Amino acid sequence: MKNCGTDVTFEAAPQRVVAASQPAAEILIRLGVGDRIVGSGYEIDKVPADIAEQYEKIPILSAPRAEIKQEKLLEAQPDFVYTTFGDFLTAGRTGDREHLYELGVPSYVSEFDCVMHQSVAGANFEMMYEEFRALAKILDVPAAGERLVAEQKAVVDKALSAIENKDTPLKVMWFYSTYGGTPWVAGPGGLPQHISDLVGVENIFDDASARWAEVSWDEVAARNPDVIILADLTRGEPNDTEREKIDLLKKDPLTSKLDAVANDRFITVPGRYMDHSCCTANAVPALVEDLNKFR
């Protein structure tokens, strides 16, 4: 199997898995192999209620909002590592993939994040479904992979069938967070862009140079979105929550004049919905419900 340009082979289905990120652990739980997870890390969000009990049984190998260090990873004696964030599997962090393989620990990195923040050609839900299928094949639970794909497809298809007035043009900004006071937004080559296309809206930063891009408030004002999609994050960084983002936008002399801000045209989704995970499909019904009100 080729993954992010690396050949990966497995002599047998892994039994001691480390999920190097919380979203990775959640996907594995939904594939029915939560009992094989011997460690996880990089907790950044509230765990969905329906899998919280299973998640709480997993040893956490890192500090909050931090990656697992290689020493802690190896102490767990894994026979497989899976991460949704490719930059974790590098030297000095959780471990270089080639070095881990030499130690008998194969790995799988989400194809959405082979290179951090880089736009991915053809990024769509089908690509995410193929990741679920690949993991299910590795772990020898192919039926569970197909079941998870079917569940996700049903969520998306049902939401798309409920779209009203799709021909009404709307410009949106996917506002993830701020770092150093400047906004980080969704660009092309990621699931937010794909979802924008599906629900019939224009991502105002579809010409950005990366999947996640740092832009200026002047650029935001010049492009003047009709709707702002807010990531409600619970990791504790400044301006992470929905309330903080709205307060920031309304108090700033420049952004307070934006059409979306002046008219309270906000759509809030959990931060996890903007990343590739088993929760991303839920962004579609969340957007459709509110977009129908704004069209």
C-alpha atoms as a PDB file:
ATOM      1  CA  MET A   1       0.000   0.000   0.000  1.00  0.00           C
ATOM      2  CA  LYS A   2       1.295   3.463  -0.917  1.00  0.00           C
ATOM      3  CA  ASN A   3       0.480   6.246   1.543  1.00  0.00           C
ATOM      4  CA  CYS A   4       1.645   9.861   1.151  1.00  0.00           C
ATOM      5  CA  GLY A   5       4.299   8.629  -1.273  1.00  0.00           C
ATOM      6  CA  THR A   6       5.576   5.963   1.136  1.00  0.00           C
ATOM      7  CA  ASP A   7       5.233   2.207   0.656  1.00  0.00           C
ATOM      8  CA  VAL A   8       3.655   0.611   3.723  1.00  0.00           C
ATOM      9  CA  THR A   9       3.339  -3.138   4.273  1.00  0.00           C
ATOM     10  CA  PHE A  10       1.732  -5.165   7.043  1.00  0.00           C
ATOM     11  CA  GLU A  11       2.463  -8.789   7.864  1.00  0.00           C
ATOM     12  CA  ALA A  12      -0.698  -9.035   9.953  1.00  0.00           C
ATOM     13  CA  ALA A  13      -3.551  -6.865  11.171  1.00  0.00           C
ATOM     14  CA  PRO A  14      -2.203  -4.504  13.884  1.00  0.00           C
ATOM     15  CA  GLN A  15      -3.296  -5.213  17.446  1.00  0.00           C
ATOM     16  CA  ARG A  16      -1.523  -2.435  19.368  1.00  0.00           C
ATOM     17  CA  VAL A  17      -2.370   0.867  17.726  1.00  0.00           C
ATOM     18  CA  VAL A  18      -1.345   4.378  18.703  1.00  0.00           C
ATOM     19  CA  ALA A  19      -3.584   7.143  17.397  1.00  0.00           C
ATOM     20  CA  ALA A  20      -1.273  10.143  17.228  1.00  0.00           C
ATOM     21  CA  SER A  21      -4.178  12.612  17.210  1.00  0.00           C
ATOM     22  CA  GLN A  22      -7.626  12.724  18.780  1.00  0.00           C
ATOM     23  CA  PRO A  23      -9.434  12.653  15.398  1.00  0.00           C
ATOM     24  CA  ALA A  24      -7.461   9.525  14.518  1.00  0.00           C
ATOM     25  CA  ALA A  25      -8.607   7.833  17.721  1.00  0.00           C
ATOM     26  CA  GLU A  26     -12.223   8.750  17.028  1.00  0.00           C
ATOM     27  CA  ILE A  27     -12.075   7.282  13.520  1.00  0.00           C
ATOM     28  CA  LEU A  28     -10.604   4.049  14.853  1.00  0.00           C
ATOM     29  CA  ILE A  29     -13.302   3.819  17.501  1.00  0.00           C
ATOM     30  CA  ARG A  30     -15.976   4.224  14.829  1.00  0.00           C
ATOM     31  CA  LEU A  31     -14.300   1.421  12.884  1.00  0.00           C
ATOM     32  CA  GLY A  32     -14.867  -0.787  15.916  1.00  0.00           C
ATOM     33  CA  VAL A  33     -11.216  -1.221  16.918  1.00  0.00           C
ATOM     34  CA  GLY A  34     -11.133   1.074  19.954  1.00  0.00           C
ATOM     35  CA  ASP A  35     -10.027  -1.851  22.088  1.00  0.00           C
ATOM     36  CA  ARG A  36      -6.800  -2.069  20.068  1.00  0.00           C
ATOM     37  CA  ILE A  37      -5.777   1.542  20.787  1.00  0.00           C
ATOM     38  CA  VAL A  38      -2.952   1.521  23.339  1.00  0.00           C
ATOM     39  CA  GLY A  39      -2.452   5.273  23.329  1.00  0.00           C
ATOM     40  CA  SER A  40      -3.569   8.570  21.859  1.00  0.00           C
ATOM     41  CA  GLY A  41      -2.616  12.231  22.087  1.00  0.00           C
ATOM     42  CA  TYR A  42      -3.113  15.772  20.841  1.00  0.00           C
ATOM     43  CA  GLU A  43      -6.508  16.272  22.446  1.00  0.00           C
ATOM     44  CA  ILE A  44      -8.046  19.428  20.994  1.00  0.00           C
ATOM     45  CA  ASP A  45     -11.798  19.111  21.253  1.00  0.00           C
ATOM     46  CA  LYS A  46     -14.677  17.664  23.204  1.00  0.00           C
ATOM     47  CA  VAL A  47     -15.195  14.007  22.337  1.00  0.00           C
ATOM     48  CA  PRO A  48     -18.605  13.199  20.770  1.00  0.00           C
ATOM     49  CA  ALA A  49     -20.949  11.847  23.434  1.00  0.00           C
ATOM     50  CA  ASP A  50     -21.688   8.579  21.647  1.00  0.00           C
ATOM     51  CA  ILE A  51     -18.039   7.453  21.765  1.00  0.00           C
ATOM     52  CA  ALA A  52     -16.888   9.274  24.921  1.00  0.00           C
ATOM     53  CA  GLU A  53     -17.044   6.157  27.117  1.00  0.00           C
ATOM     54  CA  GLN A  54     -14.778   4.219  24.749  1.00  0.00           C
ATOM     55  CA  TYR A  55     -12.415   7.142  24.303  1.00  0.00           C
ATOM     56  CA  GLU A  56     -11.989   7.601  28.062  1.00  0.00           C
ATOM     57  CA  LYS A  57     -10.494   4.101  28.309  1.00  0.00           C
ATOM     58  CA  ILE A  58      -7.585   5.033  26.029  1.00  0.00           C
ATOM     59  CA  PRO A  59      -4.277   6.019  27.703  1.00  0.00           C
ATOM     60  CA  ILE A  60      -3.312   9.583  26.783  1.00  0.00           C
ATOM     61  CA  LEU A  61       0.391   9.772  25.971  1.00  0.00           C
ATOM     62  CA  SER A  62       0.812  13.526  25.588  1.00  0.00           C
ATOM     63  CA  ALA A  63       0.138  16.795  27.342  1.00  0.00           C
ATOM     64  CA  PRO A  64      -3.087  18.591  26.317  1.00  0.00           C
ATOM     65  CA  ARG A  65      -2.899  20.068  22.803  1.00  0.00           C
ATOM     66  CA  ALA A  66       0.555  18.560  22.319  1.00  0.00           C
ATOM     67  CA  GLU A  67       1.829  15.748  20.136  1.00  0.00           C
ATOM     68  CA  ILE A  68       3.067  12.445  21.528  1.00  0.00           C
ATOM     69  CA  LYS A  69       6.832  12.389  21.905  1.00  0.00           C
ATOM     70  CA  GLN A  70       8.692   9.470  20.360  1.00  0.00           C
ATOM     71  CA  GLU A  71       9.821   8.097  23.722  1.00  0.00           C
ATOM     72  CA  LYS A  72       6.225   7.868  24.963  1.00  0.00           C
ATOM     73  CA  LEU A  73       5.132   6.346  21.685  1.00  0.00           C
ATOM     74  CA  LEU A  74       7.700   3.557  21.876  1.00  0.00           C
ATOM     75  CA  GLU A  75       6.899   2.890  25.535  1.00  0.00           C
ATOM     76  CA  ALA A  76       3.395   1.913  24.409  1.00  0.00           C
ATOM     77  CA  GLN A  77       4.944  -0.803  22.188  1.00  0.00           C
ATOM     78  CA  PRO A  78       2.708  -0.154  19.188  1.00  0.00           C
ATOM     79  CA  ASP A  79       2.627  -2.224  16.022  1.00  0.00           C
ATOM     80  CA  PHE A  80       0.918   0.585  14.072  1.00  0.00           C
ATOM     81  CA  VAL A  81       0.636   4.387  14.250  1.00  0.00           C
ATOM     82  CA  TYR A  82      -2.115   6.422  12.587  1.00  0.00           C
ATOM     83  CA  THR A  83      -2.352  10.199  12.470  1.00  0.00           C
ATOM     84  CA  THR A  84      -4.544  12.751  10.746  1.00  0.00           C
ATOM     85  CA  PHE A  85      -1.734  15.330  11.010  1.00  0.00           C
ATOM     86  CA  GLY A  86       1.257  14.393   8.884  1.00  0.00           C
ATOM     87  CA  ASP A  87       3.742  16.793  10.453  1.00  0.00           C
ATOM     88  CA  PHE A  88       3.561  14.786  13.699  1.00  0.00           C
ATOM     89  CA  LEU A  89       5.410  11.856  12.121  1.00  0.00           C
ATOM     90  CA  THR A  90       8.666  13.728  11.724  1.00  0.00           C
ATOM     91  CA  ALA A  91      11.989  13.659  13.539  1.00  0.00           C
ATOM     92  CA  GLY A  92      11.884  15.522  16.837  1.00  0.00           C
ATOM     93  CA  ARG A  93       8.145  15.022  17.225  1.00  0.00           C
ATOM     94  CA  THR A  94       6.311  11.689  17.359  1.00  0.00           C
ATOM     95  CA  GLY A  95       8.945  10.089  15.144  1.00  0.00           C
ATOM     96  CA  ASP A  96      10.177   9.899  11.561  1.00  0.00           C
ATOM     97  CA  ARG A  97       8.112   7.416   9.545  1.00  0.00           C
ATOM     98  CA  GLU A  98      11.133   5.633   8.034  1.00  0.00           C
ATOM     99  CA  HIS A  99      12.827   5.302  11.409  1.00  0.00           C
ATOM    100  CA  LEU A 100       9.651   3.978  13.024  1.00  0.00           C
ATOM    101  CA  TYR A 101       9.290   1.439  10.224  1.00  0.00           C
ATOM    102  CA  GLU A 102      12.856   0.253  10.862  1.00  0.00           C
ATOM    103  CA  LEU A 103      11.796  -0.290  14.468  1.00  0.00           C
ATOM    104  CA  GLY A 104       8.901  -2.457  13.296  1.00  0.00           C
ATOM    105  CA  VAL A 105       6.213   0.218  13.572  1.00  0.00           C
ATOM    106  CA  PRO A 106       4.455   0.942  10.256  1.00  0.00           C
ATOM    107  CA  SER A 107       2.344   4.067  10.016  1.00  0.00           C
ATOM    108  CA  TYR A 108      -0.499   5.639   8.069  1.00  0.00           C
ATOM    109  CA  VAL A 109      -0.893   9.395   7.525  1.00  0.00           C
ATOM    110  CA  SER A 110      -4.083  11.003   6.295  1.00  0.00           C
ATOM    111  CA  GLU A 111      -3.724  11.816   2.594  1.00  0.00           C
ATOM    112  CA  PHE A 112      -5.306  15.189   3.397  1.00  0.00           C
ATOM    113  CA  ASP A 113      -2.235  16.204   5.394  1.00  0.00           C
ATOM    114  CA  CYS A 114       0.836  14.652   3.813  1.00  0.00           C
ATOM    115  CA  VAL A 115       2.245  18.188   3.909  1.00  0.00           C
ATOM    116  CA  MET A 116       0.903  20.560   6.570  1.00  0.00           C
ATOM    117  CA  HIS A 117      -1.672  23.081   5.266  1.00  0.00           C
ATOM    118  CA  GLN A 118      -0.865  22.274   1.625  1.00  0.00           C
ATOM    119  CA  SER A 119      -3.778  22.203  -0.817  1.00  0.00           C
ATOM    120  CA  VAL A 120      -4.618  18.667  -1.904  1.00  0.00           C
ATOM    121  CA  ALA A 121      -5.699  18.018  -5.475  1.00  0.00           C
ATOM    122  CA  GLY A 122      -9.109  16.375  -5.621  1.00  0.00           C
ATOM    123  CA  ALA A 123      -9.827  16.752  -1.909  1.00  0.00           C
ATOM    124  CA  ASN A 124     -13.395  15.555  -1.387  1.00  0.00           C
ATOM    125  CA  PHE A 125     -15.517  13.227   0.697  1.00  0.00           C
ATOM    126  CA  GLU A 126     -14.683  10.264  -1.521  1.00  0.00           C
ATOM    127  CA  MET A 127     -11.027  10.753  -0.603  1.00  0.00           C
ATOM    128  CA  MET A 128     -12.018  10.644   3.063  1.00  0.00           C
ATOM    129  CA  TYR A 129     -14.090   7.507   2.492  1.00  0.00           C
ATOM    130  CA  GLU A 130     -11.094   5.842   0.846  1.00  0.00           C
ATOM    131  CA  GLU A 131      -9.072   6.614   3.974  1.00  0.00           C
ATOM    132  CA  PHE A 132     -11.684   4.849   6.087  1.00  0.00           C
ATOM    133  CA  ARG A 133     -11.577   1.867   3.726  1.00  0.00           C
ATOM    134  CA  ALA A 134      -7.759   1.774   3.757  1.00  0.00           C
ATOM    135  CA  LEU A 135      -7.661   1.764   7.553  1.00  0.00           C
ATOM    136  CA  ALA A 136     -10.345  -0.916   7.683  1.00  0.00           C
ATOM    137  CA  LYS A 137      -8.294  -3.038   5.283  1.00  0.00           C
ATOM    138  CA  ILE A 138      -5.131  -2.584   7.349  1.00  0.00           C
ATOM    139  CA  LEU A 139      -6.986  -3.558  10.516  1.00  0.00           C
ATOM    140  CA  ASP A 140      -8.850  -6.417   8.804  1.00  0.00           C
ATOM    141  CA  VAL A 141     -12.330  -5.003   9.435  1.00  0.00           C
ATOM    142  CA  PRO A 142     -13.438  -4.218   5.862  1.00  0.00           C
ATOM    143  CA  ALA A 143     -17.150  -4.450   6.650  1.00  0.00           C
ATOM    144  CA  ALA A 144     -16.758  -1.803   9.353  1.00  0.00           C
ATOM    145  CA  GLY A 145     -15.114   0.488   6.820  1.00  0.00           C
ATOM    146  CA  GLU A 146     -17.994   0.124   4.383  1.00  0.00           C
ATOM    147  CA  ARG A 147     -20.484   0.678   7.182  1.00  0.00           C
ATOM    148  CA  LEU A 148     -18.813   3.920   8.256  1.00  0.00           C
ATOM    149  CA  VAL A 149     -18.691   5.119   4.640  1.00  0.00           C
ATOM    150  CA  ALA A 150     -22.395   4.344   4.186  1.00  0.00           C
ATOM    151  CA  GLU A 151     -23.278   6.250   7.359  1.00  0.00           C
ATOM    152  CA  GLN A 152     -21.268   9.291   6.265  1.00  0.00           C
ATOM    153  CA  LYS A 153     -22.708   9.261   2.749  1.00  0.00           C
ATOM    154  CA  ALA A 154     -26.239   9.118   4.133  1.00  0.00           C
ATOM    155  CA  VAL A 155     -25.617  12.231   6.250  1.00  0.00           C
ATOM    156  CA  VAL A 156     -24.259  14.172   3.277  1.00  0.00           C
ATOM    157  CA  ASP A 157     -26.897  13.010   0.771  1.00  0.00           C
ATOM    158  CA  LYS A 158     -29.803  13.764   3.090  1.00  0.00           C
ATOM    159  CA  ALA A 159     -28.496  17.279   3.736  1.00  0.00           C
ATOM    160  CA  LEU A 160     -27.890  18.027   0.055  1.00  0.00           C
ATOM    161  CA  SER A 161     -31.436  16.981  -0.795  1.00  0.00           C
ATOM    162  CA  ALA A 162     -32.724  19.675   1.593  1.00  0.00           C
ATOM    163  CA  ILE A 163     -30.960  22.642  -0.066  1.00  0.00           C
ATOM    164  CA  GLU A 164     -33.293  25.488  -1.001  1.00  0.00           C
ATOM    165  CA  ASN A 165     -32.652  28.265  -3.534  1.00  0.00           C
ATOM    166  CA  LYS A 166     -29.232  26.884  -4.453  1.00  0.00           C
ATOM    167  CA  ASP A 167     -28.984  29.337  -7.359  1.00  0.00           C
ATOM    168  CA  THR A 168     -28.965  32.293  -4.946  1.00  0.00           C
ATOM    169  CA  PRO A 169     -25.293  33.411  -4.858  1.00  0.00           C
ATOM    170  CA  LEU A 170     -23.657  33.628  -1.446  1.00  0.00           C
ATOM    171  CA  LYS A 171     -20.020  34.335  -0.570  1.00  0.00           C
ATOM    172  CA  VAL A 172     -18.683  32.660   2.573  1.00  0.00           C
ATOM    173  CA  MET A 173     -15.549  32.798   4.685  1.00  0.00           C
ATOM    174  CA  TRP A 174     -14.456  29.762   6.687  1.00  0.00           C
ATOM    175  CA  PHE A 175     -12.933  31.402   9.788  1.00  0.00           C
ATOM    176  CA  TYR A 176     -10.878  28.897  11.783  1.00  0.00           C
ATOM    177  CA  SER A 177      -8.933  31.017  14.255  1.00  0.00           C
ATOM    178  CA  THR A 178      -6.452  33.848  14.716  1.00  0.00           C
ATOM    179  CA  TYR A 179      -2.743  33.599  15.361  1.00  0.00           C
ATOM    180  CA  GLY A 180      -0.928  36.798  16.263  1.00  0.00           C
ATOM    181  CA  GLY A 181      -4.128  38.711  15.571  1.00  0.00           C
ATOM    182  CA  THR A 182      -4.512  37.689  11.925  1.00  0.00           C
ATOM    183  CA  PRO A 183      -7.211  35.328  10.679  1.00  0.00           C
ATOM    184  CA  TRP A 184      -6.626  31.801   9.417  1.00  0.00           C
ATOM    185  CA  VAL A 185      -9.158  30.762   6.819  1.00  0.00           C
ATOM    186  CA  ALA A 186      -9.944  27.800   4.604  1.00  0.00           C
ATOM    187  CA  GLY A 187      -8.494  28.006   1.118  1.00  0.00           C
ATOM    188  CA  PRO A 188      -8.710  25.543  -1.791  1.00  0.00           C
ATOM    189  CA  GLY A 189      -7.813  21.867  -1.747  1.00  0.00           C
ATOM    190  CA  GLY A 190      -9.559  20.852   1.472  1.00  0.00           C
ATOM    191  CA  LEU A 191     -12.941  19.655   2.675  1.00  0.00           C
ATOM    192  CA  PRO A 192     -14.274  23.176   3.441  1.00  0.00           C
ATOM    193  CA  GLN A 193     -13.756  24.038  -0.226  1.00  0.00           C
ATOM    194  CA  HIS A 194     -15.404  20.779  -1.303  1.00  0.00           C
ATOM    195  CA  ILE A 195     -18.367  21.416   0.995  1.00  0.00           C
ATOM    196  CA  SER A 196     -18.687  24.956  -0.389  1.00  0.00           C
ATOM    197  CA  ASP A 197     -18.959  23.507  -3.884  1.00  0.00           C
ATOM    198  CA  LEU A 198     -21.507  20.905  -2.782  1.00  0.00           C
ATOM    199  CA  VAL A 199     -23.858  23.369  -1.094  1.00  0.00           C
ATOM    200  CA  GLY A 200     -23.503  26.008  -3.807  1.00  0.00           C
ATOM    201  CA  VAL A 201     -21.628  28.860  -2.153  1.00  0.00           C
ATOM    202  CA  GLU A 202     -18.414  30.685  -3.054  1.00  0.00           C
ATOM    203  CA  ASN A 203     -15.459  30.417  -0.702  1.00  0.00           C
ATOM    204  CA  ILE A 204     -14.014  33.941  -0.872  1.00  0.00           C
ATOM    205  CA  PHE A 205     -10.493  32.562  -0.387  1.00  0.00           C
ATOM    206  CA  ASP A 206     -10.681  29.812  -2.986  1.00  0.00           C
ATOM    207  CA  ASP A 207      -7.641  31.448  -4.607  1.00  0.00           C
ATOM    208  CA  ALA A 208      -5.411  31.216  -1.516  1.00  0.00           C
ATOM    209  CA  SER A 209      -2.046  29.493  -1.836  1.00  0.00           C
ATOM    210  CA  ALA A 210      -2.757  26.828   0.786  1.00  0.00           C
ATOM    211  CA  ARG A 211      -5.519  24.690   2.244  1.00  0.00           C
ATOM    212  CA  TRP A 212      -5.311  26.776   5.418  1.00  0.00           C
ATOM    213  CA  ALA A 213      -4.066  30.294   4.824  1.00  0.00           C
ATOM    214  CA  GLU A 214      -3.149  33.306   6.927  1.00  0.00           C
ATOM    215  CA  VAL A 215      -4.804  36.390   5.452  1.00  0.00           C
ATOM    216  CA  SER A 216      -5.285  40.014   6.500  1.00  0.00           C
ATOM    217  CA  TRP A 217      -8.386  41.714   7.832  1.00  0.00           C
ATOM    218  CA  ASP A 218      -8.070  44.180   4.953  1.00  0.00           C
ATOM    219  CA  GLU A 219      -8.400  41.245   2.531  1.00  0.00           C
ATOM    220  CA  VAL A 220     -11.461  39.989   4.393  1.00  0.00           C
ATOM    221  CA  ALA A 221     -13.056  43.446   4.240  1.00  0.00           C
ATOM    222  CA  ALA A 222     -12.300  43.816   0.523  1.00  0.00           C
ATOM    223  CA  ARG A 223     -13.953  40.466  -0.239  1.00  0.00           C
ATOM    224  CA  ASN A 224     -16.863  41.182   2.146  1.00  0.00           C
ATOM    225  CA  PRO A 225     -18.444  37.757   2.739  1.00  0.00           C
ATOM    226  CA  ASP A 226     -22.222  37.364   2.918  1.00  0.00           C
ATOM    227  CA  VAL A 227     -21.855  34.624   5.542  1.00  0.00           C
ATOM    228  CA  ILE A 228     -19.039  33.769   7.966  1.00  0.00           C
ATOM    229  CA  ILE A 229     -18.647  30.143   9.009  1.00  0.00           C
ATOM    230  CA  LEU A 230     -17.087  30.046  12.474  1.00  0.00           C
ATOM    231  CA  ALA A 231     -15.086  27.191  13.972  1.00  0.00           C
ATOM    232  CA  ASP A 232     -16.082  26.787  17.614  1.00  0.00           C
ATOM    233  CA  LEU A 233     -12.871  25.442  19.157  1.00  0.00           C
ATOM    234  CA  THR A 234     -12.453  24.263  22.731  1.00  0.00           C
ATOM    235  CA  ARG A 235      -8.661  24.013  22.939  1.00  0.00           C
ATOM    236  CA  GLY A 236      -8.296  27.250  24.949  1.00  0.00           C
ATOM    237  CA  GLU A 237      -6.362  29.492  22.549  1.00  0.00           C
ATOM    238  CA  PRO A 238      -7.330  33.206  22.195  1.00  0.00           C
ATOM    239  CA  ASN A 239     -10.344  33.833  19.932  1.00  0.00           C
ATOM    240  CA  ASP A 240     -11.001  30.113  19.543  1.00  0.00           C
ATOM    241  CA  THR A 241     -14.625  29.950  20.644  1.00  0.00           C
ATOM    242  CA  GLU A 242     -17.685  31.083  18.712  1.00  0.00           C
ATOM    243  CA  ARG A 243     -18.401  33.846  21.241  1.00  0.00           C
ATOM    244  CA  GLU A 244     -14.861  35.205  21.117  1.00  0.00           C
ATOM    245  CA  LYS A 245     -14.874  35.272  17.316  1.00  0.00           C
ATOM    246  CA  ILE A 246     -18.189  37.110  17.132  1.00  0.00           C
ATOM    247  CA  ASP A 247     -17.076  39.624  19.773  1.00  0.00           C
ATOM    248  CA  LEU A 248     -13.844  40.210  17.854  1.00  0.00           C
ATOM    249  CA  LEU A 249     -15.669  40.783  14.573  1.00  0.00           C
ATOM    250  CA  LYS A 250     -18.292  43.116  16.071  1.00  0.00           C
ATOM    251  CA  LYS A 251     -15.879  45.260  18.084  1.00  0.00           C
ATOM    252  CA  ASP A 252     -13.301  45.820  15.356  1.00  0.00           C
ATOM    253  CA  PRO A 253     -14.021  49.072  13.421  1.00  0.00           C
ATOM    254  CA  LEU A 254     -13.193  47.392  10.093  1.00  0.00           C
ATOM    255  CA  THR A 255     -14.903  44.004  10.411  1.00  0.00           C
ATOM    256  CA  SER A 256     -17.973  45.377  12.192  1.00  0.00           C
ATOM    257  CA  LYS A 257     -19.004  46.932   8.866  1.00  0.00           C
ATOM    258  CA  LEU A 258     -18.914  43.640   6.946  1.00  0.00           C
ATOM    259  CA  ASP A 259     -22.313  42.596   5.609  1.00  0.00           C
ATOM    260  CA  ALA A 260     -22.164  39.252   7.408  1.00  0.00           C
ATOM    261  CA  VAL A 261     -21.258  40.840  10.743  1.00  0.00           C
ATOM    262  CA  ALA A 262     -23.716  43.744  10.554  1.00  0.00           C
ATOM    263  CA  ASN A 263     -26.542  41.335   9.715  1.00  0.00           C
ATOM    264  CA  ASP A 264     -25.516  38.517  12.096  1.00  0.00           C
ATOM    265  CA  ARG A 265     -25.103  36.040   9.279  1.00  0.00           C
ATOM    266  CA  PHE A 266     -22.944  33.543  11.137  1.00  0.00           C
ATOM    267  CA  ILE A 267     -22.917  29.769  10.924  1.00  0.00           C
ATOM    268  CA  THR A 268     -21.145  28.016  13.769  1.00  0.00           C
ATOM    269  CA  VAL A 269     -19.745  24.498  13.562  1.00  0.00           C
ATOM    270  CA  PRO A 270     -17.427  22.613  15.920  1.00  0.00           C
ATOM    271  CA  GLY A 271     -13.818  23.069  14.865  1.00  0.00           C
ATOM    272  CA  ARG A 272     -13.515  19.358  14.128  1.00  0.00           C
ATOM    273  CA  TYR A 273     -16.034  19.776  11.277  1.00  0.00           C
ATOM    274  CA  MET A 274     -13.506  21.833   9.318  1.00  0.00           C
ATOM    275  CA  ASP A 275     -10.807  19.161   9.532  1.00  0.00           C
ATOM    276  CA  HIS A 276     -10.786  15.729   7.929  1.00  0.00           C
ATOM    277  CA  SER A 277     -12.363  13.400  10.460  1.00  0.00           C
ATOM    278  CA  CYS A 278     -15.339  11.162  11.052  1.00  0.00           C
ATOM    279  CA  CYS A 279     -17.284  14.313  11.975  1.00  0.00           C
ATOM    280  CA  THR A 280     -16.680  16.392   8.829  1.00  0.00           C
ATOM    281  CA  ALA A 281     -19.791  15.075   7.082  1.00  0.00           C
ATOM    282  CA  ASN A 282     -21.871  16.711   9.827  1.00  0.00           C
ATOM    283  CA  ALA A 283     -20.789  20.113   8.524  1.00  0.00           C
ATOM    284  CA  VAL A 284     -23.044  19.670   5.506  1.00  0.00           C
ATOM    285  CA  PRO A 285     -26.415  19.529   7.331  1.00  0.00           C
ATOM    286  CA  ALA A 286     -25.219  22.280   9.699  1.00  0.00           C
ATOM    287  CA  LEU A 287     -24.485  24.578   6.751  1.00  0.00           C
ATOM    288  CA  VAL A 288     -27.566  23.676   4.726  1.00  0.00           C
ATOM    289  CA  GLU A 289     -29.951  24.419   7.596  1.00  0.00           C
ATOM    290  CA  ASP A 290     -28.597  27.941   8.118  1.00  0.00           C
ATOM    291  CA  LEU A 291     -27.879  28.741   4.476  1.00  0.00           C
ATOM    292  CA  ASN A 292     -31.532  28.046   3.699  1.00  0.00           C
ATOM    293  CA  LYS A 293     -32.396  30.884   6.093  1.00  0.00           C
ATOM    294  CA  PHE A 294     -29.960  33.308   4.489  1.00  0.00           C
ATOM    295  CA  ARG A 295     -30.838  32.662   0.832  1.00  0.00           C
END
